[in-house]
């Protein structure tokens, strides 16, 4: 069994099939509009898993994309583009 719980600005917690618990810290940002942040997280997480990424990296990408999305108004229009994913992931991985 696997479980993923999003925690808003606190990030997310992933419990793997082996019972390992991973807490992913969300990048600190100045939130303008949180509408759609969960959708941004789930979309990025699912995309990463479908692309063959490991679960921990997928969760970090989800947090990075959700955090980025709240810095702009709107829902779909605030989601990061494909080209901006690499810097977001690098930023999330380094804890910035």
PDB file of N, CA and C in Angstrom:
ATOM      1  N   UNK A   1       0.839  -1.176   0.000  1.00  0.00           N
ATOM      2  CA  UNK A   1       0.000   0.000   0.000  1.00  0.00           C
ATOM      3  C   UNK A   1       0.884   1.239   0.000  1.00  0.00           C
ATOM      4  N   UNK A   2       0.461   2.239  -0.745  1.00  0.00           N
ATOM      5  CA  UNK A   2       1.170   3.515  -0.795  1.00  0.00           C
ATOM      6  C   UNK A   2       0.188   4.613  -0.420  1.00  0.00           C
ATOM      7  N   UNK A   3       0.734   5.683   0.147  1.00  0.00           N
ATOM      8  CA  UNK A   3      -0.107   6.803   0.555  1.00  0.00           C
ATOM      9  C   UNK A   3       0.639   8.100   0.320  1.00  0.00           C
ATOM     10  N   UNK A   4      -0.052   9.077  -0.231  1.00  0.00           N
ATOM     11  CA  UNK A   4       0.504  10.402  -0.440  1.00  0.00           C
ATOM     12  C   UNK A   4      -0.469  11.401   0.155  1.00  0.00           C
ATOM     13  N   UNK A   5       0.027  12.273   1.026  1.00  0.00           N
ATOM     14  CA  UNK A   5      -0.797  13.313   1.631  1.00  0.00           C
ATOM     15  C   UNK A   5      -0.131  14.651   1.362  1.00  0.00           C
ATOM     16  N   UNK A   6      -0.886  15.559   0.754  1.00  0.00           N
ATOM     17  CA  UNK A   6      -0.351  16.906   0.541  1.00  0.00           C
ATOM     18  C   UNK A   6      -0.659  17.745   1.776  1.00  0.00           C
ATOM     19  N   UNK A   7       0.258  18.648   2.098  1.00  0.00           N
ATOM     20  CA  UNK A   7       0.170  19.431   3.325  1.00  0.00           C
ATOM     21  C   UNK A   7       0.221  20.937   3.062  1.00  0.00           C
ATOM     22  N   UNK A   8      -0.204  21.350   1.887  1.00  0.00           N
ATOM     23  CA  UNK A   8      -0.179  22.780   1.563  1.00  0.00           C
ATOM     24  C   UNK A   8       1.238  23.317   1.584  1.00  0.00           C
ATOM     25  N   UNK A   9       1.423  24.440   2.240  1.00  0.00           N
ATOM     26  CA  UNK A   9       2.739  25.071   2.267  1.00  0.00           C
ATOM     27  C   UNK A   9       3.791  24.238   3.004  1.00  0.00           C
ATOM     28  N   UNK A  10       3.351  23.223   3.743  1.00  0.00           N
ATOM     29  CA  UNK A  10       4.287  22.347   4.453  1.00  0.00           C
ATOM     30  C   UNK A  10       4.797  21.209   3.567  1.00  0.00           C
ATOM     31  N   UNK A  11       4.305  21.112   2.323  1.00  0.00           N
ATOM     32  CA  UNK A  11       4.813  20.091   1.407  1.00  0.00           C
ATOM     33  C   UNK A  11       3.912  18.879   1.299  1.00  0.00           C
ATOM     34  N   UNK A  12       4.502  17.695   1.423  1.00  0.00           N
ATOM     35  CA  UNK A  12       3.755  16.450   1.282  1.00  0.00           C
ATOM     36  C   UNK A  12       4.484  15.341   2.035  1.00  0.00           C
ATOM     37  N   UNK A  13       3.740  14.294   2.338  1.00  0.00           N
ATOM     38  CA  UNK A  13       4.313  13.092   2.954  1.00  0.00           C
ATOM     39  C   UNK A  13       3.943  11.915   2.073  1.00  0.00           C
ATOM     40  N   UNK A  14       4.947  11.112   1.763  1.00  0.00           N
ATOM     41  CA  UNK A  14       4.774   9.915   0.939  1.00  0.00           C
ATOM     42  C   UNK A  14       5.135   8.709   1.791  1.00  0.00           C
ATOM     43  N   UNK A  15       4.257   7.717   1.828  1.00  0.00           N
ATOM     44  CA  UNK A  15       4.557   6.455   2.501  1.00  0.00           C
ATOM     45  C   UNK A  15       4.615   5.395   1.407  1.00  0.00           C
ATOM     46  N   UNK A  16       5.785   4.820   1.224  1.00  0.00           N
ATOM     47  CA  UNK A  16       6.004   3.840   0.175  1.00  0.00           C
ATOM     48  C   UNK A  16       5.452   2.481   0.516  1.00  0.00           C
ATOM     49  N   UNK A  17       5.470   1.596  -0.461  1.00  0.00           N
ATOM     50  CA  UNK A  17       4.959   0.238  -0.294  1.00  0.00           C
ATOM     51  C   UNK A  17       5.713  -0.514   0.805  1.00  0.00           C
ATOM     52  N   UNK A  18       6.969  -0.130   1.025  1.00  0.00           N
ATOM     53  CA  UNK A  18       7.779  -0.790   2.051  1.00  0.00           C
ATOM     54  C   UNK A  18       7.618  -0.139   3.426  1.00  0.00           C
ATOM     55  N   UNK A  19       6.739   0.876   3.532  1.00  0.00           N
ATOM     56  CA  UNK A  19       6.512   1.562   4.804  1.00  0.00           C
ATOM     57  C   UNK A  19       7.439   2.735   5.036  1.00  0.00           C
ATOM     58  N   UNK A  20       8.375   2.967   4.117  1.00  0.00           N
ATOM     59  CA  UNK A  20       9.274   4.105   4.257  1.00  0.00           C
ATOM     60  C   UNK A  20       8.476   5.403   4.167  1.00  0.00           C
ATOM     61  N   UNK A  21       8.783   6.339   5.063  1.00  0.00           N
ATOM     62  CA  UNK A  21       8.104   7.638   5.085  1.00  0.00           C
ATOM     63  C   UNK A  21       9.058   8.695   4.558  1.00  0.00           C
ATOM     64  N   UNK A  22       8.581   9.456   3.605  1.00  0.00           N
ATOM     65  CA  UNK A  22       9.374  10.532   3.023  1.00  0.00           C
ATOM     66  C   UNK A  22       8.589  11.821   3.163  1.00  0.00           C
ATOM     67  N   UNK A  23       9.172  12.820   3.819  1.00  0.00           N
ATOM     68  CA  UNK A  23       8.539  14.135   3.874  1.00  0.00           C
ATOM     69  C   UNK A  23       9.225  15.027   2.852  1.00  0.00           C
ATOM     70  N   UNK A  24       8.429  15.621   1.995  1.00  0.00           N
ATOM     71  CA  UNK A  24       8.922  16.529   0.968  1.00  0.00           C
ATOM     72  C   UNK A  24       8.559  17.938   1.405  1.00  0.00           C
ATOM     73  N   UNK A  25       9.554  18.782   1.530  1.00  0.00           N
ATOM     74  CA  UNK A  25       9.335  20.165   1.940  1.00  0.00           C
ATOM     75  C   UNK A  25       9.030  21.000   0.703  1.00  0.00           C
ATOM     76  N   UNK A  26       8.007  21.819   0.791  1.00  0.00           N
ATOM     77  CA  UNK A  26       7.655  22.694  -0.329  1.00  0.00           C
ATOM     78  C   UNK A  26       8.595  23.902  -0.342  1.00  0.00           C
ATOM     79  N   UNK A  27       8.994  24.333  -1.532  1.00  0.00           N
ATOM     80  CA  UNK A  27       9.801  25.554  -1.620  1.00  0.00           C
ATOM     81  C   UNK A  27       9.023  26.735  -1.047  1.00  0.00           C
ATOM     82  N   UNK A  28       9.726  27.622  -0.365  1.00  0.00           N
ATOM     83  CA  UNK A  28       9.070  28.816   0.184  1.00  0.00           C
ATOM     84  C   UNK A  28       8.845  29.816  -0.940  1.00  0.00           C
ATOM     85  N   UNK A  29       7.615  30.270  -1.031  1.00  0.00           N
ATOM     86  CA  UNK A  29       7.255  31.250  -2.055  1.00  0.00           C
ATOM     87  C   UNK A  29       6.287  32.260  -1.446  1.00  0.00           C
ATOM     88  N   UNK A  30       6.091  33.353  -2.140  1.00  0.00           N
ATOM     89  CA  UNK A  30       5.072  34.327  -1.739  1.00  0.00           C
ATOM     90  C   UNK A  30       3.808  33.973  -2.509  1.00  0.00           C
ATOM     91  N   UNK A  31       2.835  33.398  -1.813  1.00  0.00           N
ATOM     92  CA  UNK A  31       1.607  32.946  -2.457  1.00  0.00           C
ATOM     93  C   UNK A  31       0.706  34.127  -2.803  1.00  0.00           C
ATOM     94  N   UNK A  32       0.210  34.101  -4.037  1.00  0.00           N
ATOM     95  CA  UNK A  32      -0.715  35.118  -4.525  1.00  0.00           C
ATOM     96  C   UNK A  32      -2.117  34.528  -4.633  1.00  0.00           C
ATOM     97  N   UNK A  33      -2.216  33.285  -5.106  1.00  0.00           N
ATOM     98  CA  UNK A  33      -3.506  32.628  -5.310  1.00  0.00           C
ATOM     99  C   UNK A  33      -3.278  31.118  -5.233  1.00  0.00           C
ATOM    100  N   UNK A  34      -3.880  30.474  -4.244  1.00  0.00           N
ATOM    101  CA  UNK A  34      -3.654  29.038  -4.050  1.00  0.00           C
ATOM    102  C   UNK A  34      -4.626  28.167  -4.838  1.00  0.00           C
ATOM    103  N   UNK A  35      -5.542  28.801  -5.575  1.00  0.00           N
ATOM    104  CA  UNK A  35      -6.499  28.043  -6.379  1.00  0.00           C
ATOM    105  C   UNK A  35      -5.753  27.161  -7.384  1.00  0.00           C
ATOM    106  N   UNK A  36      -6.035  25.895  -7.365  1.00  0.00           N
ATOM    107  CA  UNK A  36      -5.438  24.976  -8.333  1.00  0.00           C
ATOM    108  C   UNK A  36      -4.111  24.374  -7.919  1.00  0.00           C
ATOM    109  N   UNK A  37      -3.613  24.717  -6.740  1.00  0.00           N
ATOM    110  CA  UNK A  37      -2.312  24.182  -6.309  1.00  0.00           C
ATOM    111  C   UNK A  37      -2.335  22.662  -6.205  1.00  0.00           C
ATOM    112  N   UNK A  38      -3.418  22.124  -5.691  1.00  0.00           N
ATOM    113  CA  UNK A  38      -3.532  20.659  -5.601  1.00  0.00           C
ATOM    114  C   UNK A  38      -3.540  20.006  -6.968  1.00  0.00           C
ATOM    115  N   UNK A  39      -4.219  20.637  -7.912  1.00  0.00           N
ATOM    116  CA  UNK A  39      -4.236  20.112  -9.276  1.00  0.00           C
ATOM    117  C   UNK A  39      -2.842  20.159  -9.896  1.00  0.00           C
ATOM    118  N   UNK A  40      -2.115  21.245  -9.632  1.00  0.00           N
ATOM    119  CA  UNK A  40      -0.745  21.356 -10.154  1.00  0.00           C
ATOM    120  C   UNK A  40       0.119  20.242  -9.565  1.00  0.00           C
ATOM    121  N   UNK A  41      -0.049  19.975  -8.260  1.00  0.00           N
ATOM    122  CA  UNK A  41       0.722  18.916  -7.611  1.00  0.00           C
ATOM    123  C   UNK A  41       0.412  17.569  -8.251  1.00  0.00           C
ATOM    124  N   UNK A  42      -0.868  17.229  -8.316  1.00  0.00           N
ATOM    125  CA  UNK A  42      -1.272  15.907  -8.817  1.00  0.00           C
ATOM    126  C   UNK A  42      -0.861  15.728 -10.272  1.00  0.00           C
ATOM    127  N   UNK A  43      -1.042  16.769 -11.079  1.00  0.00           N
ATOM    128  CA  UNK A  43      -0.658  16.675 -12.486  1.00  0.00           C
ATOM    129  C   UNK A  43       0.827  16.411 -12.654  1.00  0.00           C
ATOM    130  N   UNK A  44       1.653  17.153 -11.915  1.00  0.00           N
ATOM    131  CA  UNK A  44       3.107  16.971 -12.008  1.00  0.00           C
ATOM    132  C   UNK A  44       3.525  15.609 -11.461  1.00  0.00           C
ATOM    133  N   UNK A  45       2.944  15.211 -10.344  1.00  0.00           N
ATOM    134  CA  UNK A  45       3.252  13.915  -9.726  1.00  0.00           C
ATOM    135  C   UNK A  45       2.902  12.773 -10.679  1.00  0.00           C
ATOM    136  N   UNK A  46       1.692  12.810 -11.240  1.00  0.00           N
ATOM    137  CA  UNK A  46       1.256  11.748 -12.154  1.00  0.00           C
ATOM    138  C   UNK A  46       2.103  11.730 -13.424  1.00  0.00           C
ATOM    139  N   UNK A  47       2.419  12.897 -13.950  1.00  0.00           N
ATOM    140  CA  UNK A  47       3.252  12.969 -15.151  1.00  0.00           C
ATOM    141  C   UNK A  47       4.623  12.340 -14.890  1.00  0.00           C
ATOM    142  N   UNK A  48       5.211  12.679 -13.750  1.00  0.00           N
ATOM    143  CA  UNK A  48       6.535  12.144 -13.417  1.00  0.00           C
ATOM    144  C   UNK A  48       6.492  10.619 -13.275  1.00  0.00           C
ATOM    145  N   UNK A  49       5.464  10.101 -12.613  1.00  0.00           N
ATOM    146  CA  UNK A  49       5.351   8.643 -12.473  1.00  0.00           C
ATOM    147  C   UNK A  49       5.170   7.982 -13.834  1.00  0.00           C
ATOM    148  N   UNK A  50       4.333   8.571 -14.687  1.00  0.00           N
ATOM    149  CA  UNK A  50       4.102   8.005 -16.022  1.00  0.00           C
ATOM    150  C   UNK A  50       5.375   8.034 -16.868  1.00  0.00           C
ATOM    151  N   UNK A  51       6.246   9.008 -16.582  1.00  0.00           N
ATOM    152  CA  UNK A  51       7.512   9.120 -17.323  1.00  0.00           C
ATOM    153  C   UNK A  51       8.585   8.192 -16.757  1.00  0.00           C
ATOM    154  N   UNK A  52       8.244   7.448 -15.689  1.00  0.00           N
ATOM    155  CA  UNK A  52       9.182   6.486 -15.130  1.00  0.00           C
ATOM    156  C   UNK A  52      10.044   7.016 -13.995  1.00  0.00           C
ATOM    157  N   UNK A  53       9.735   8.205 -13.497  1.00  0.00           N
ATOM    158  CA  UNK A  53      10.507   8.761 -12.388  1.00  0.00           C
ATOM    159  C   UNK A  53      10.173   8.005 -11.107  1.00  0.00           C
ATOM    160  N   UNK A  54      11.096   7.979 -10.165  1.00  0.00           N
ATOM    161  CA  UNK A  54      10.818   7.336  -8.889  1.00  0.00           C
ATOM    162  C   UNK A  54       9.832   8.193  -8.093  1.00  0.00           C
ATOM    163  N   UNK A  55       9.190   7.575  -7.121  1.00  0.00           N
ATOM    164  CA  UNK A  55       8.122   8.237  -6.370  1.00  0.00           C
ATOM    165  C   UNK A  55       8.602   9.457  -5.593  1.00  0.00           C
ATOM    166  N   UNK A  56       9.784   9.386  -5.012  1.00  0.00           N
ATOM    167  CA  UNK A  56      10.304  10.515  -4.238  1.00  0.00           C
ATOM    168  C   UNK A  56      10.541  11.726  -5.127  1.00  0.00           C
ATOM    169  N   UNK A  57      11.123  11.505  -6.289  1.00  0.00           N
ATOM    170  CA  UNK A  57      11.372  12.607  -7.218  1.00  0.00           C
ATOM    171  C   UNK A  57      10.056  13.151  -7.750  1.00  0.00           C
ATOM    172  N   UNK A  58       9.098  12.279  -8.008  1.00  0.00           N
ATOM    173  CA  UNK A  58       7.777  12.713  -8.474  1.00  0.00           C
ATOM    174  C   UNK A  58       7.095  13.593  -7.424  1.00  0.00           C
ATOM    175  N   UNK A  59       7.219  13.229  -6.153  1.00  0.00           N
ATOM    176  CA  UNK A  59       6.627  14.040  -5.082  1.00  0.00           C
ATOM    177  C   UNK A  59       7.327  15.392  -4.972  1.00  0.00           C
ATOM    178  N   UNK A  60       8.648  15.416  -5.130  1.00  0.00           N
ATOM    179  CA  UNK A  60       9.373  16.700  -5.107  1.00  0.00           C
ATOM    180  C   UNK A  60       8.943  17.578  -6.272  1.00  0.00           C
ATOM    181  N   UNK A  61       8.772  16.979  -7.443  1.00  0.00           N
ATOM    182  CA  UNK A  61       8.315  17.752  -8.589  1.00  0.00           C
ATOM    183  C   UNK A  61       6.912  18.291  -8.344  1.00  0.00           C
ATOM    184  N   UNK A  62       6.039  17.473  -7.780  1.00  0.00           N
ATOM    185  CA  UNK A  62       4.684  17.927  -7.459  1.00  0.00           C
ATOM    186  C   UNK A  62       4.696  19.127  -6.534  1.00  0.00           C
ATOM    187  N   UNK A  63       5.509  19.070  -5.484  1.00  0.00           N
ATOM    188  CA  UNK A  63       5.605  20.197  -4.552  1.00  0.00           C
ATOM    189  C   UNK A  63       6.178  21.437  -5.236  1.00  0.00           C
ATOM    190  N   UNK A  64       7.179  21.241  -6.058  1.00  0.00           N
ATOM    191  CA  UNK A  64       7.794  22.374  -6.753  1.00  0.00           C
ATOM    192  C   UNK A  64       6.804  23.037  -7.699  1.00  0.00           C
ATOM    193  N   UNK A  65       6.055  22.239  -8.452  1.00  0.00           N
ATOM    194  CA  UNK A  65       5.091  22.800  -9.402  1.00  0.00           C
ATOM    195  C   UNK A  65       3.920  23.470  -8.684  1.00  0.00           C
ATOM    196  N   UNK A  66       3.445  22.865  -7.618  1.00  0.00           N
ATOM    197  CA  UNK A  66       2.358  23.478  -6.852  1.00  0.00           C
ATOM    198  C   UNK A  66       2.813  24.793  -6.228  1.00  0.00           C
ATOM    199  N   UNK A  67       4.013  24.800  -5.673  1.00  0.00           N
ATOM    200  CA  UNK A  67       4.540  26.031  -5.073  1.00  0.00           C
ATOM    201  C   UNK A  67       4.703  27.120  -6.118  1.00  0.00           C
ATOM    202  N   UNK A  68       5.195  26.745  -7.281  1.00  0.00           N
ATOM    203  CA  UNK A  68       5.355  27.714  -8.361  1.00  0.00           C
ATOM    204  C   UNK A  68       4.000  28.250  -8.805  1.00  0.00           C
ATOM    205  N   UNK A  69       2.998  27.395  -8.861  1.00  0.00           N
ATOM    206  CA  UNK A  69       1.688  27.809  -9.371  1.00  0.00           C
ATOM    207  C   UNK A  69       1.006  28.848  -8.490  1.00  0.00           C
ATOM    208  N   UNK A  70       1.272  28.833  -7.192  1.00  0.00           N
ATOM    209  CA  UNK A  70       0.603  29.788  -6.301  1.00  0.00           C
ATOM    210  C   UNK A  70       1.210  31.184  -6.375  1.00  0.00           C
ATOM    211  N   UNK A  71       2.279  31.339  -7.129  1.00  0.00           N
ATOM    212  CA  UNK A  71       2.900  32.664  -7.250  1.00  0.00           C
ATOM    213  C   UNK A  71       2.220  33.507  -8.332  1.00  0.00           C
ATOM    214  N   UNK A  72       1.245  32.911  -9.046  1.00  0.00           N
ATOM    215  CA  UNK A  72       0.502  33.614 -10.094  1.00  0.00           C
ATOM    216  C   UNK A  72      -0.990  33.390  -9.890  1.00  0.00           C
ATOM    217  N   UNK A  73      -1.785  34.304 -10.374  1.00  0.00           N
ATOM    218  CA  UNK A  73      -3.246  34.176 -10.268  1.00  0.00           C
ATOM    219  C   UNK A  73      -3.771  33.191 -11.309  1.00  0.00           C
ATOM    220  N   UNK A  74      -4.872  32.547 -10.944  1.00  0.00           N
ATOM    221  CA  UNK A  74      -5.544  31.651 -11.872  1.00  0.00           C
ATOM    222  C   UNK A  74      -5.243  30.195 -11.584  1.00  0.00           C
ATOM    223  N   UNK A  75      -5.810  29.369 -12.406  1.00  0.00           N
ATOM    224  CA  UNK A  75      -5.587  27.932 -12.243  1.00  0.00           C
ATOM    225  C   UNK A  75      -4.674  27.440 -13.349  1.00  0.00           C
ATOM    226  N   UNK A  76      -5.241  26.963 -14.429  1.00  0.00           N
ATOM    227  CA  UNK A  76      -4.418  26.399 -15.497  1.00  0.00           C
ATOM    228  C   UNK A  76      -3.369  27.387 -15.995  1.00  0.00           C
ATOM    229  N   UNK A  77      -3.725  28.659 -16.061  1.00  0.00           N
ATOM    230  CA  UNK A  77      -2.772  29.666 -16.544  1.00  0.00           C
ATOM    231  C   UNK A  77      -1.591  29.855 -15.604  1.00  0.00           C
ATOM    232  N   UNK A  78      -1.731  29.414 -14.354  1.00  0.00           N
ATOM    233  CA  UNK A  78      -0.629  29.569 -13.396  1.00  0.00           C
ATOM    234  C   UNK A  78       0.291  28.358 -13.339  1.00  0.00           C
ATOM    235  N   UNK A  79      -0.097  27.268 -14.017  1.00  0.00           N
ATOM    236  CA  UNK A  79       0.708  26.052 -13.961  1.00  0.00           C
ATOM    237  C   UNK A  79       2.023  26.253 -14.718  1.00  0.00           C
ATOM    238  N   UNK A  80       3.103  25.691 -14.219  1.00  0.00           N
ATOM    239  CA  UNK A  80       4.391  25.848 -14.905  1.00  0.00           C
ATOM    240  C   UNK A  80       4.391  25.144 -16.257  1.00  0.00           C
ATOM    241  N   UNK A  81       5.159  25.686 -17.166  1.00  0.00           N
ATOM    242  CA  UNK A  81       5.280  25.075 -18.491  1.00  0.00           C
ATOM    243  C   UNK A  81       6.285  23.927 -18.442  1.00  0.00           C
ATOM    244  N   UNK A  82       6.257  23.105 -19.466  1.00  0.00           N
ATOM    245  CA  UNK A  82       7.190  21.982 -19.546  1.00  0.00           C
ATOM    246  C   UNK A  82       8.634  22.463 -19.441  1.00  0.00           C
ATOM    247  N   UNK A  83       8.947  23.571 -20.076  1.00  0.00           N
ATOM    248  CA  UNK A  83      10.313  24.090 -20.072  1.00  0.00           C
ATOM    249  C   UNK A  83      10.794  24.581 -18.721  1.00  0.00           C
ATOM    250  N   UNK A  84       9.860  24.885 -17.821  1.00  0.00           N
ATOM    251  CA  UNK A  84      10.284  25.400 -16.513  1.00  0.00           C
ATOM    252  C   UNK A  84      10.369  24.327 -15.438  1.00  0.00           C
ATOM    253  N   UNK A  85      10.115  23.083 -15.791  1.00  0.00           N
ATOM    254  CA  UNK A  85      10.103  22.005 -14.800  1.00  0.00           C
ATOM    255  C   UNK A  85      11.502  21.682 -14.274  1.00  0.00           C
ATOM    256  N   UNK A  86      12.493  21.622 -15.135  1.00  0.00           N
ATOM    257  CA  UNK A  86      13.855  21.277 -14.695  1.00  0.00           C
ATOM    258  C   UNK A  86      14.371  22.238 -13.614  1.00  0.00           C
ATOM    259  N   UNK A  87      14.287  23.563 -13.831  1.00  0.00           N
ATOM    260  CA  UNK A  87      14.746  24.473 -12.774  1.00  0.00           C
ATOM    261  C   UNK A  87      13.927  24.336 -11.489  1.00  0.00           C
ATOM    262  N   UNK A  88      12.621  24.072 -11.616  1.00  0.00           N
ATOM    263  CA  UNK A  88      11.796  23.893 -10.426  1.00  0.00           C
ATOM    264  C   UNK A  88      12.241  22.688  -9.631  1.00  0.00           C
ATOM    265  N   UNK A  89      12.525  21.599 -10.321  1.00  0.00           N
ATOM    266  CA  UNK A  89      12.963  20.388  -9.640  1.00  0.00           C
ATOM    267  C   UNK A  89      14.319  20.589  -9.000  1.00  0.00           C
ATOM    268  N   UNK A  90      15.231  21.257  -9.707  1.00  0.00           N
ATOM    269  CA  UNK A  90      16.553  21.534  -9.141  1.00  0.00           C
ATOM    270  C   UNK A  90      16.423  22.388  -7.896  1.00  0.00           C
ATOM    271  N   UNK A  91      15.550  23.379  -7.948  1.00  0.00           N
ATOM    272  CA  UNK A  91      15.318  24.247  -6.803  1.00  0.00           C
ATOM    273  C   UNK A  91      14.737  23.471  -5.626  1.00  0.00           C
ATOM    274  N   UNK A  92      13.774  22.612  -5.912  1.00  0.00           N
ATOM    275  CA  UNK A  92      13.153  21.816  -4.846  1.00  0.00           C
ATOM    276  C   UNK A  92      14.143  20.844  -4.233  1.00  0.00           C
ATOM    277  N   UNK A  93      14.991  20.253  -5.054  1.00  0.00           N
ATOM    278  CA  UNK A  93      15.963  19.276  -4.569  1.00  0.00           C
ATOM    279  C   UNK A  93      17.017  19.908  -3.688  1.00  0.00           C
ATOM    280  N   UNK A  94      17.334  21.181  -3.976  1.00  0.00           N
ATOM    281  CA  UNK A  94      18.377  21.849  -3.189  1.00  0.00           C
ATOM    282  C   UNK A  94      17.825  22.491  -1.935  1.00  0.00           C
ATOM    283  N   UNK A  95      16.486  22.486  -1.763  1.00  0.00           N
ATOM    284  CA  UNK A  95      15.884  23.043  -0.566  1.00  0.00           C
ATOM    285  C   UNK A  95      15.698  24.545  -0.615  1.00  0.00           C
ATOM    286  N   UNK A  96      15.880  25.149  -1.794  1.00  0.00           N
ATOM    287  CA  UNK A  96      15.682  26.604  -1.908  1.00  0.00           C
ATOM    288  C   UNK A  96      14.235  26.957  -2.025  1.00  0.00           C
TER     289      UNK A  96
END
